[in-house]
N, C-alpha and C. Protein backbone atom coordinates (compact mmCIF):
# COMPACT_ATOMS: atom_id res chain seq x y z
N MET A 1 0.86 -1.18 0.00
CA MET A 1 0.00 0.00 0.00
C MET A 1 0.90 1.24 0.00
N ASP A 2 0.61 2.18 -0.85
CA ASP A 2 1.46 3.36 -0.90
C ASP A 2 1.06 4.38 0.17
N ASN A 3 1.89 5.38 0.34
CA ASN A 3 1.70 6.37 1.41
C ASN A 3 0.38 7.12 1.28
N ALA A 4 -0.01 7.48 0.06
CA ALA A 4 -1.26 8.23 -0.12
C ALA A 4 -2.46 7.39 0.30
N GLN A 5 -2.44 6.11 -0.02
CA GLN A 5 -3.55 5.24 0.38
C GLN A 5 -3.60 5.10 1.90
N GLN A 6 -2.44 5.00 2.52
CA GLN A 6 -2.40 4.89 3.98
C GLN A 6 -2.95 6.15 4.63
N CYS A 7 -2.60 7.30 4.09
CA CYS A 7 -3.10 8.57 4.63
C CYS A 7 -4.62 8.66 4.48
N ARG A 8 -5.13 8.26 3.32
CA ARG A 8 -6.58 8.30 3.11
C ARG A 8 -7.31 7.32 4.03
N ALA A 9 -6.70 6.18 4.30
CA ALA A 9 -7.29 5.20 5.21
C ALA A 9 -7.35 5.79 6.63
N LYS A 10 -6.32 6.50 7.03
CA LYS A 10 -6.32 7.13 8.36
C LYS A 10 -7.36 8.25 8.42
N ALA A 11 -7.52 8.97 7.32
CA ALA A 11 -8.54 10.03 7.27
C ALA A 11 -9.93 9.42 7.43
N LEU A 12 -10.15 8.28 6.79
CA LEU A 12 -11.44 7.60 6.92
C LEU A 12 -11.69 7.15 8.35
N LEU A 13 -10.67 6.62 9.00
CA LEU A 13 -10.81 6.22 10.40
C LEU A 13 -11.14 7.42 11.29
N CYS A 14 -10.54 8.56 11.00
CA CYS A 14 -10.83 9.77 11.77
C CYS A 14 -12.28 10.19 11.58
N ARG A 15 -12.78 10.09 10.35
CA ARG A 15 -14.18 10.45 10.10
C ARG A 15 -15.14 9.49 10.83
N GLN A 16 -14.76 8.22 10.89
CA GLN A 16 -15.57 7.26 11.63
C GLN A 16 -15.59 7.60 13.12
N GLN A 17 -14.44 8.00 13.65
CA GLN A 17 -14.38 8.40 15.06
C GLN A 17 -15.23 9.65 15.30
N ALA A 18 -15.24 10.56 14.35
CA ALA A 18 -16.06 11.77 14.48
C ALA A 18 -17.53 11.40 14.56
N TYR A 19 -17.94 10.40 13.80
CA TYR A 19 -19.34 9.95 13.83
C TYR A 19 -19.66 9.28 15.16
N LEU A 20 -18.72 8.49 15.66
CA LEU A 20 -18.95 7.75 16.91
C LEU A 20 -18.85 8.63 18.15
N HIS A 21 -18.11 9.73 18.05
CA HIS A 21 -17.89 10.61 19.20
C HIS A 21 -18.25 12.05 18.81
N PRO A 22 -19.54 12.35 18.74
CA PRO A 22 -19.95 13.69 18.28
C PRO A 22 -19.46 14.82 19.19
N GLU A 23 -19.19 14.52 20.46
CA GLU A 23 -18.72 15.57 21.37
C GLU A 23 -17.29 16.01 21.03
N GLU A 24 -16.56 15.17 20.32
CA GLU A 24 -15.19 15.50 19.91
C GLU A 24 -15.03 15.46 18.40
N ASN A 25 -16.14 15.64 17.67
CA ASN A 25 -16.04 15.51 16.21
C ASN A 25 -15.15 16.58 15.59
N TRP A 26 -15.04 17.73 16.21
CA TRP A 26 -14.18 18.80 15.68
C TRP A 26 -12.73 18.34 15.61
N LYS A 27 -12.32 17.60 16.64
CA LYS A 27 -10.94 17.12 16.69
C LYS A 27 -10.70 16.07 15.60
N TRP A 28 -11.62 15.13 15.48
CA TRP A 28 -11.46 14.05 14.51
C TRP A 28 -11.56 14.56 13.07
N LEU A 29 -12.43 15.52 12.83
CA LEU A 29 -12.55 16.07 11.48
C LEU A 29 -11.31 16.87 11.10
N ALA A 30 -10.71 17.54 12.07
CA ALA A 30 -9.47 18.27 11.80
C ALA A 30 -8.35 17.28 11.47
N GLN A 31 -8.30 16.17 12.20
CA GLN A 31 -7.29 15.15 11.90
C GLN A 31 -7.52 14.54 10.53
N ALA A 32 -8.77 14.30 10.17
CA ALA A 32 -9.09 13.75 8.85
C ALA A 32 -8.64 14.70 7.75
N GLU A 33 -8.86 15.99 7.96
CA GLU A 33 -8.44 16.98 6.97
C GLU A 33 -6.92 16.98 6.83
N ARG A 34 -6.23 16.85 7.95
CA ARG A 34 -4.76 16.81 7.92
C ARG A 34 -4.27 15.59 7.14
N TRP A 35 -4.87 14.42 7.39
CA TRP A 35 -4.45 13.22 6.66
C TRP A 35 -4.75 13.34 5.17
N GLU A 36 -5.88 13.94 4.81
CA GLU A 36 -6.19 14.14 3.39
C GLU A 36 -5.17 15.07 2.73
N HIS A 37 -4.79 16.10 3.47
CA HIS A 37 -3.78 17.02 2.94
C HIS A 37 -2.46 16.29 2.72
N LEU A 38 -2.07 15.45 3.68
CA LEU A 38 -0.83 14.68 3.54
C LEU A 38 -0.91 13.70 2.38
N ALA A 39 -2.10 13.17 2.12
CA ALA A 39 -2.26 12.23 1.00
C ALA A 39 -2.01 12.91 -0.33
N GLU A 40 -2.29 14.19 -0.40
CA GLU A 40 -2.11 14.94 -1.65
C GLU A 40 -0.70 15.52 -1.79
N THR A 41 0.06 15.51 -0.72
CA THR A 41 1.40 16.06 -0.72
C THR A 41 2.40 14.98 -1.13
N PRO A 42 3.24 15.25 -2.11
CA PRO A 42 4.23 14.25 -2.49
C PRO A 42 5.24 14.05 -1.36
N PHE A 43 5.55 12.81 -1.08
CA PHE A 43 6.52 12.50 -0.04
C PHE A 43 7.92 12.53 -0.63
N ILE A 44 8.81 13.19 0.06
CA ILE A 44 10.20 13.23 -0.36
C ILE A 44 10.99 12.46 0.69
N LEU A 45 11.51 11.34 0.26
CA LEU A 45 12.26 10.50 1.18
C LEU A 45 13.74 10.84 1.07
N LYS A 46 14.35 11.10 2.18
CA LYS A 46 15.77 11.41 2.20
C LYS A 46 16.52 10.09 2.32
N SER A 47 17.25 9.76 1.29
CA SER A 47 17.98 8.50 1.32
C SER A 47 19.32 8.71 2.00
N GLU A 48 19.64 7.74 2.82
CA GLU A 48 20.92 7.78 3.52
C GLU A 48 21.89 6.87 2.79
N PRO A 49 23.17 7.22 2.80
CA PRO A 49 24.14 6.35 2.12
C PRO A 49 24.19 4.98 2.78
N SER A 50 24.34 3.99 1.97
CA SER A 50 24.43 2.62 2.46
C SER A 50 25.74 2.44 3.23
N LYS A 51 25.70 1.61 4.27
CA LYS A 51 26.92 1.35 5.03
C LYS A 51 27.90 0.51 4.24
N ALA A 52 27.41 -0.15 3.19
CA ALA A 52 28.28 -0.96 2.36
C ALA A 52 29.14 -0.10 1.43
N GLU A 53 28.70 1.13 1.18
CA GLU A 53 29.44 2.01 0.29
C GLU A 53 30.63 2.60 1.05
N PRO A 54 31.83 2.48 0.49
CA PRO A 54 33.00 3.06 1.18
C PRO A 54 32.98 4.59 1.06
N ARG A 55 33.40 5.25 2.11
CA ARG A 55 33.49 6.71 2.09
C ARG A 55 34.79 7.12 1.43
N ASP A 56 34.76 8.29 0.83
CA ASP A 56 35.96 8.81 0.18
C ASP A 56 36.97 9.22 1.26
N ALA A 57 38.13 8.61 1.26
CA ALA A 57 39.14 8.89 2.27
C ALA A 57 39.75 10.28 2.12
N ALA A 58 39.70 10.87 0.93
CA ALA A 58 40.30 12.16 0.68
C ALA A 58 39.45 13.30 1.24
N ALA A 59 38.21 13.04 1.57
CA ALA A 59 37.32 14.11 2.02
C ALA A 59 37.55 14.53 3.43
């Protein structure tokens, strides 16, 4: 499952919680909106150098 699908699944869970807990629905709906926003944002993964790669000794 890719990151966008995971974010949308979490947004759906938040909406379900908002339905089940109307006294705190503002909190759950805000969280759902945040997850939807994250689903639309491209993820930039910072890759770290592999430990198998030798470092340049001259640096």
